Amino acid sequence: MKTLLSGNVLWASELEVQQRTKTNDLSFHITGVKPFHCHSGEIFLDERALRIMGNDVLTFSFDEMRELYLGFDEIYTPSLSKNFGLFWQPLRLTFTNKGFIYLIIDYNLGFSKNKLWFNTISELLS
C-alpha cells in the first residue's frame, strides 16, 4: 500500500487525557513544552488505514472509524496546550468499540499539520 502522508505524532487515548494530573495543566504554557500527550512516534497514512509506530505499533483501519473530528472538546481542552491552541487543534479519531485517540501531527513551535491530515482522511472516507 502506498503511503500518502507521514510525520511525527504525539498522541493520547481518551482515558489517558481524563486521568491526567490536572494540577499540571498550567505547565503546558511554559515555553518549549509540547501539548499534553502520553506517546510519541511516527504516523503513516495509506488509502485504508493509519499506522502509528513508536513504543507500540498500532493500526487503525478506516472500516473501524466512526468519527473524525478536528478541534478541542470537553476532554481535550485548549488549556492542555501552550497559547491555548491558538494555532492548532487536536485531531480526534473515534473507533468502533475502541474509544478514541487524540493526535497532534508534526507539532512545531505551536503549529501542527492536523488540518492537512483531517482534510486528507476526510477525502479518503468520502
N, C-alpha and C. Protein backbone atom coordinates (compact mmCIF):
# COMPACT_ATOMS: atom_id res chain seq x y z
N MET A 1 0.85 -1.18 0.00
CA MET A 1 0.00 0.00 0.00
C MET A 1 0.90 1.24 0.00
N LYS A 2 0.58 2.20 -0.83
CA LYS A 2 1.37 3.42 -0.96
C LYS A 2 1.09 4.37 0.20
N THR A 3 2.14 4.90 0.81
CA THR A 3 2.00 5.88 1.89
C THR A 3 1.66 7.24 1.29
N LEU A 4 0.53 7.81 1.75
CA LEU A 4 0.08 9.10 1.25
C LEU A 4 0.66 10.26 2.06
N LEU A 5 0.70 10.09 3.38
CA LEU A 5 1.27 11.10 4.28
C LEU A 5 2.05 10.38 5.37
N SER A 6 3.06 11.05 5.89
CA SER A 6 3.78 10.53 7.05
C SER A 6 4.27 11.71 7.87
N GLY A 7 4.53 11.46 9.14
CA GLY A 7 5.00 12.54 10.00
C GLY A 7 5.27 12.05 11.40
N ASN A 8 5.64 12.98 12.26
CA ASN A 8 5.82 12.70 13.68
C ASN A 8 4.48 12.90 14.38
N VAL A 9 4.22 12.11 15.40
CA VAL A 9 2.93 12.21 16.08
C VAL A 9 3.11 12.18 17.59
N LEU A 10 2.34 13.01 18.26
CA LEU A 10 2.14 12.96 19.70
C LEU A 10 0.71 12.49 19.87
N TRP A 11 0.44 11.59 20.81
CA TRP A 11 -0.93 11.13 20.95
C TRP A 11 -1.23 10.65 22.36
N ALA A 12 -2.53 10.60 22.65
CA ALA A 12 -3.02 10.10 23.93
C ALA A 12 -4.42 9.53 23.72
N SER A 13 -4.76 8.55 24.51
CA SER A 13 -6.10 7.98 24.45
C SER A 13 -7.06 8.84 25.28
N GLU A 14 -8.32 8.62 25.06
CA GLU A 14 -9.36 9.32 25.84
C GLU A 14 -9.11 9.12 27.34
N LEU A 15 -8.87 7.89 27.75
CA LEU A 15 -8.68 7.57 29.16
C LEU A 15 -7.44 8.26 29.73
N GLU A 16 -6.36 8.30 28.96
CA GLU A 16 -5.14 8.96 29.43
C GLU A 16 -5.36 10.45 29.64
N VAL A 17 -6.11 11.08 28.76
CA VAL A 17 -6.39 12.51 28.92
C VAL A 17 -7.25 12.73 30.16
N GLN A 18 -8.25 11.89 30.35
CA GLN A 18 -9.14 12.03 31.50
C GLN A 18 -8.41 11.79 32.82
N GLN A 19 -7.41 10.93 32.83
CA GLN A 19 -6.72 10.58 34.07
C GLN A 19 -5.46 11.41 34.33
N ARG A 20 -5.22 12.43 33.52
CA ARG A 20 -4.03 13.26 33.73
C ARG A 20 -4.12 13.97 35.08
N THR A 21 -2.99 14.43 35.57
CA THR A 21 -2.94 15.20 36.79
C THR A 21 -3.30 16.64 36.45
N LYS A 22 -4.48 17.06 36.80
CA LYS A 22 -4.97 18.38 36.41
C LYS A 22 -4.15 19.52 37.02
N THR A 23 -3.45 19.26 38.13
CA THR A 23 -2.63 20.31 38.73
C THR A 23 -1.46 20.69 37.82
N ASN A 24 -1.11 19.83 36.87
CA ASN A 24 0.00 20.12 35.95
C ASN A 24 -0.46 20.80 34.67
N ASP A 25 -1.76 21.06 34.53
CA ASP A 25 -2.28 21.63 33.28
C ASP A 25 -1.60 22.94 32.91
N LEU A 26 -1.25 23.75 33.88
CA LEU A 26 -0.61 25.04 33.58
C LEU A 26 0.79 24.88 33.00
N SER A 27 1.41 23.73 33.24
CA SER A 27 2.78 23.53 32.74
C SER A 27 2.85 23.55 31.22
N PHE A 28 1.72 23.35 30.54
CA PHE A 28 1.73 23.33 29.07
C PHE A 28 1.91 24.72 28.47
N HIS A 29 1.90 25.75 29.30
CA HIS A 29 2.03 27.11 28.81
C HIS A 29 3.45 27.65 28.95
N ILE A 30 4.36 26.80 29.43
CA ILE A 30 5.76 27.18 29.56
C ILE A 30 6.44 27.00 28.21
N THR A 31 7.28 27.92 27.84
CA THR A 31 7.98 27.87 26.56
C THR A 31 8.68 26.53 26.36
N GLY A 32 8.49 25.96 25.19
CA GLY A 32 9.17 24.72 24.83
C GLY A 32 8.46 23.45 25.22
N VAL A 33 7.40 23.55 26.01
CA VAL A 33 6.68 22.35 26.43
C VAL A 33 5.64 22.01 25.37
N LYS A 34 5.63 20.76 24.95
CA LYS A 34 4.67 20.32 23.94
C LYS A 34 3.30 20.12 24.57
N PRO A 35 2.23 20.12 23.76
CA PRO A 35 0.89 19.89 24.29
C PRO A 35 0.80 18.53 24.99
N PHE A 36 -0.23 18.34 25.79
CA PHE A 36 -0.40 17.09 26.52
C PHE A 36 -0.39 15.90 25.56
N HIS A 37 0.43 14.91 25.90
CA HIS A 37 0.46 13.64 25.17
C HIS A 37 1.09 12.59 26.07
N CYS A 38 0.84 11.35 25.79
CA CYS A 38 1.43 10.25 26.56
C CYS A 38 2.37 9.40 25.71
N HIS A 39 2.24 9.52 24.40
CA HIS A 39 3.02 8.69 23.48
C HIS A 39 3.53 9.55 22.33
N SER A 40 4.60 9.09 21.71
CA SER A 40 5.10 9.75 20.51
C SER A 40 5.64 8.70 19.56
N GLY A 41 5.76 9.08 18.32
CA GLY A 41 6.26 8.15 17.32
C GLY A 41 6.10 8.73 15.93
N GLU A 42 5.99 7.83 14.97
CA GLU A 42 5.78 8.23 13.59
C GLU A 42 4.42 7.73 13.15
N ILE A 43 3.77 8.49 12.26
CA ILE A 43 2.45 8.12 11.77
C ILE A 43 2.49 8.04 10.25
N PHE A 44 1.76 7.07 9.72
CA PHE A 44 1.70 6.84 8.28
C PHE A 44 0.25 6.68 7.87
N LEU A 45 -0.11 7.28 6.74
CA LEU A 45 -1.46 7.19 6.20
C LEU A 45 -1.40 6.55 4.83
N ASP A 46 -2.22 5.51 4.63
CA ASP A 46 -2.41 4.98 3.28
C ASP A 46 -3.90 5.02 2.97
N GLU A 47 -4.32 4.41 1.90
CA GLU A 47 -5.71 4.51 1.46
C GLU A 47 -6.70 3.77 2.35
N ARG A 48 -6.21 2.92 3.25
CA ARG A 48 -7.11 2.10 4.06
C ARG A 48 -6.94 2.24 5.57
N ALA A 49 -5.84 2.85 6.01
CA ALA A 49 -5.58 2.84 7.45
C ALA A 49 -4.54 3.89 7.85
N LEU A 50 -4.49 4.10 9.16
CA LEU A 50 -3.43 4.88 9.81
C LEU A 50 -2.55 3.90 10.57
N ARG A 51 -1.25 4.09 10.53
CA ARG A 51 -0.33 3.28 11.32
C ARG A 51 0.51 4.20 12.18
N ILE A 52 0.64 3.85 13.44
CA ILE A 52 1.50 4.59 14.36
C ILE A 52 2.60 3.65 14.83
N MET A 53 3.84 4.11 14.71
CA MET A 53 4.98 3.32 15.16
C MET A 53 5.76 4.13 16.18
N GLY A 54 5.91 3.56 17.34
CA GLY A 54 6.64 4.18 18.43
C GLY A 54 6.94 3.09 19.44
N ASN A 55 6.64 3.34 20.71
CA ASN A 55 6.77 2.28 21.71
C ASN A 55 5.83 1.12 21.39
N ASP A 56 4.68 1.45 20.82
CA ASP A 56 3.71 0.47 20.36
C ASP A 56 3.57 0.62 18.86
N VAL A 57 3.12 -0.43 18.20
CA VAL A 57 2.77 -0.36 16.79
C VAL A 57 1.27 -0.54 16.71
N LEU A 58 0.59 0.49 16.21
CA LEU A 58 -0.87 0.47 16.15
C LEU A 58 -1.33 0.67 14.71
N THR A 59 -2.39 -0.04 14.34
CA THR A 59 -3.01 0.14 13.03
C THR A 59 -4.49 0.40 13.24
N PHE A 60 -4.99 1.46 12.63
CA PHE A 60 -6.40 1.82 12.72
C PHE A 60 -6.99 1.81 11.32
N SER A 61 -7.79 0.81 11.03
CA SER A 61 -8.44 0.68 9.73
C SER A 61 -9.58 1.69 9.61
N PHE A 62 -9.77 2.23 8.41
CA PHE A 62 -10.88 3.16 8.20
C PHE A 62 -12.23 2.47 8.36
N ASP A 63 -12.27 1.15 8.20
CA ASP A 63 -13.51 0.40 8.41
C ASP A 63 -13.97 0.48 9.87
N GLU A 64 -13.01 0.66 10.79
CA GLU A 64 -13.31 0.75 12.22
C GLU A 64 -13.64 2.17 12.67
N MET A 65 -13.38 3.16 11.81
CA MET A 65 -13.52 4.55 12.21
C MET A 65 -14.98 5.00 12.17
N ARG A 66 -15.44 5.57 13.28
CA ARG A 66 -16.81 6.09 13.37
C ARG A 66 -16.87 7.59 13.14
N GLU A 67 -15.84 8.30 13.62
CA GLU A 67 -15.86 9.76 13.52
C GLU A 67 -14.45 10.32 13.42
N LEU A 68 -14.34 11.38 12.65
CA LEU A 68 -13.11 12.14 12.51
C LEU A 68 -13.46 13.57 12.91
N TYR A 69 -12.73 14.14 13.87
CA TYR A 69 -13.08 15.46 14.39
C TYR A 69 -11.82 16.27 14.59
N LEU A 70 -11.82 17.50 14.13
CA LEU A 70 -10.71 18.42 14.33
C LEU A 70 -11.17 19.52 15.27
N GLY A 71 -10.59 19.57 16.46
CA GLY A 71 -10.95 20.61 17.41
C GLY A 71 -10.86 20.14 18.85
N PHE A 72 -10.97 21.09 19.73
CA PHE A 72 -10.97 20.79 21.16
C PHE A 72 -12.36 20.34 21.57
N ASP A 73 -12.45 19.63 22.68
CA ASP A 73 -13.73 19.18 23.19
C ASP A 73 -13.69 19.25 24.72
N GLU A 74 -14.68 18.65 25.37
CA GLU A 74 -14.76 18.72 26.83
C GLU A 74 -13.68 17.88 27.52
N ILE A 75 -13.03 16.98 26.80
CA ILE A 75 -11.97 16.16 27.39
C ILE A 75 -10.60 16.75 27.09
N TYR A 76 -10.30 17.00 25.83
CA TYR A 76 -9.04 17.62 25.45
C TYR A 76 -9.33 19.10 25.20
N THR A 77 -9.11 19.88 26.23
CA THR A 77 -9.46 21.30 26.20
C THR A 77 -8.27 22.16 25.76
N PRO A 78 -8.51 23.40 25.35
CA PRO A 78 -7.42 24.29 24.95
C PRO A 78 -6.38 24.52 26.05
N SER A 79 -6.75 24.31 27.30
CA SER A 79 -5.81 24.52 28.40
C SER A 79 -4.66 23.51 28.39
N LEU A 80 -4.75 22.48 27.56
CA LEU A 80 -3.69 21.47 27.51
C LEU A 80 -2.59 21.80 26.51
N SER A 81 -2.59 23.03 26.00
CA SER A 81 -1.53 23.41 25.07
C SER A 81 -1.08 24.84 25.34
N LYS A 82 0.15 25.08 24.93
CA LYS A 82 0.68 26.43 25.01
C LYS A 82 -0.19 27.32 24.14
N ASN A 83 -0.38 28.53 24.50
CA ASN A 83 -1.21 29.53 23.82
C ASN A 83 -2.65 29.07 23.62
N PHE A 84 -3.07 28.11 24.45
CA PHE A 84 -4.45 27.63 24.45
C PHE A 84 -4.91 27.18 23.06
N GLY A 85 -4.00 26.62 22.28
CA GLY A 85 -4.35 26.08 20.97
C GLY A 85 -4.71 27.11 19.94
N LEU A 86 -4.16 28.30 20.07
CA LEU A 86 -4.48 29.38 19.14
C LEU A 86 -4.17 29.02 17.68
N PHE A 87 -3.09 28.26 17.45
CA PHE A 87 -2.65 27.96 16.09
C PHE A 87 -2.81 26.51 15.67
N TRP A 88 -3.40 25.68 16.51
CA TRP A 88 -3.59 24.28 16.16
C TRP A 88 -4.76 23.71 16.96
N GLN A 89 -5.27 22.57 16.53
CA GLN A 89 -6.33 21.85 17.23
C GLN A 89 -6.03 20.37 17.15
N PRO A 90 -6.40 19.59 18.18
CA PRO A 90 -6.14 18.15 18.12
C PRO A 90 -7.05 17.46 17.10
N LEU A 91 -6.56 16.38 16.56
CA LEU A 91 -7.33 15.54 15.65
C LEU A 91 -7.82 14.34 16.45
N ARG A 92 -9.14 14.22 16.58
CA ARG A 92 -9.72 13.12 17.37
C ARG A 92 -10.28 12.07 16.42
N LEU A 93 -9.86 10.84 16.64
CA LEU A 93 -10.36 9.70 15.87
C LEU A 93 -11.17 8.82 16.80
N THR A 94 -12.41 8.54 16.42
CA THR A 94 -13.29 7.68 17.21
C THR A 94 -13.45 6.36 16.47
N PHE A 95 -13.27 5.26 17.20
CA PHE A 95 -13.33 3.94 16.60
C PHE A 95 -14.42 3.09 17.23
N THR A 96 -15.01 2.20 16.45
CA THR A 96 -16.00 1.27 16.95
C THR A 96 -15.35 0.39 18.01
N ASN A 97 -15.93 0.36 19.19
CA ASN A 97 -15.50 -0.49 20.31
C ASN A 97 -14.09 -0.23 20.82
N LYS A 98 -13.46 0.89 20.44
CA LYS A 98 -12.10 1.16 20.91
C LYS A 98 -11.97 2.53 21.54
N GLY A 99 -13.05 3.26 21.69
CA GLY A 99 -12.94 4.61 22.22
C GLY A 99 -12.33 5.54 21.20
N PHE A 100 -11.60 6.54 21.68
CA PHE A 100 -10.97 7.46 20.73
C PHE A 100 -9.60 7.89 21.20
N ILE A 101 -8.84 8.41 20.22
CA ILE A 101 -7.50 8.92 20.50
C ILE A 101 -7.39 10.33 19.95
N TYR A 102 -6.50 11.08 20.56
CA TYR A 102 -6.19 12.45 20.13
C TYR A 102 -4.80 12.44 19.51
N LEU A 103 -4.68 13.03 18.32
CA LEU A 103 -3.41 13.09 17.61
C LEU A 103 -2.96 14.53 17.44
N ILE A 104 -1.66 14.74 17.53
CA ILE A 104 -1.04 16.02 17.21
C ILE A 104 0.11 15.68 16.27
N ILE A 105 -0.05 16.04 15.00
CA ILE A 105 0.87 15.58 13.97
C ILE A 105 1.79 16.72 13.53
N ASP A 106 3.08 16.40 13.51
CA ASP A 106 4.13 17.35 13.10
C ASP A 106 4.05 18.67 13.88
N TYR A 107 3.94 18.57 15.19
CA TYR A 107 3.88 19.75 16.05
C TYR A 107 5.24 20.44 16.06
N ASN A 108 5.24 21.76 15.82
CA ASN A 108 6.48 22.52 15.84
C ASN A 108 6.16 23.98 16.16
N LEU A 109 6.71 24.47 17.26
CA LEU A 109 6.58 25.88 17.65
C LEU A 109 5.13 26.37 17.66
N GLY A 110 4.24 25.56 18.20
CA GLY A 110 2.85 25.97 18.34
C GLY A 110 1.96 25.69 17.16
N PHE A 111 2.49 25.09 16.12
CA PHE A 111 1.71 24.76 14.92
C PHE A 111 1.73 23.25 14.70
N SER A 112 0.73 22.74 13.99
CA SER A 112 0.70 21.33 13.62
C SER A 112 0.17 21.18 12.20
N LYS A 113 0.24 19.98 11.69
CA LYS A 113 -0.30 19.69 10.35
C LYS A 113 -1.61 18.90 10.46
N ASN A 114 -2.31 19.04 11.59
CA ASN A 114 -3.55 18.30 11.79
C ASN A 114 -4.61 18.62 10.74
N LYS A 115 -4.69 19.86 10.30
CA LYS A 115 -5.71 20.23 9.31
C LYS A 115 -5.47 19.51 7.98
N LEU A 116 -4.22 19.42 7.56
CA LEU A 116 -3.88 18.68 6.34
C LEU A 116 -4.31 17.21 6.47
N TRP A 117 -4.00 16.60 7.61
CA TRP A 117 -4.36 15.20 7.83
C TRP A 117 -5.87 15.04 7.89
N PHE A 118 -6.55 15.96 8.55
CA PHE A 118 -8.01 15.92 8.63
C PHE A 118 -8.62 15.96 7.22
N ASN A 119 -8.18 16.91 6.41
CA ASN A 119 -8.71 17.04 5.05
C ASN A 119 -8.42 15.81 4.20
N THR A 120 -7.22 15.27 4.31
CA THR A 120 -6.85 14.09 3.52
C THR A 120 -7.65 12.87 3.93
N ILE A 121 -7.78 12.64 5.23
CA ILE A 121 -8.57 11.49 5.70
C ILE A 121 -10.04 11.66 5.33
N SER A 122 -10.55 12.87 5.45
CA SER A 122 -11.95 13.14 5.06
C SER A 122 -12.19 12.77 3.60
N GLU A 123 -11.26 13.13 2.74
CA GLU A 123 -11.39 12.78 1.32
C GLU A 123 -11.37 11.28 1.11
N LEU A 124 -10.51 10.58 1.84
CA LEU A 124 -10.43 9.12 1.70
C LEU A 124 -11.70 8.43 2.19
N LEU A 125 -12.33 9.01 3.20
CA LEU A 125 -13.55 8.40 3.77
C LEU A 125 -14.79 8.69 2.94
N SER A 126 -14.74 9.72 2.09
CA SER A 126 -15.95 10.09 1.33
C SER A 126 -16.12 9.26 0.07
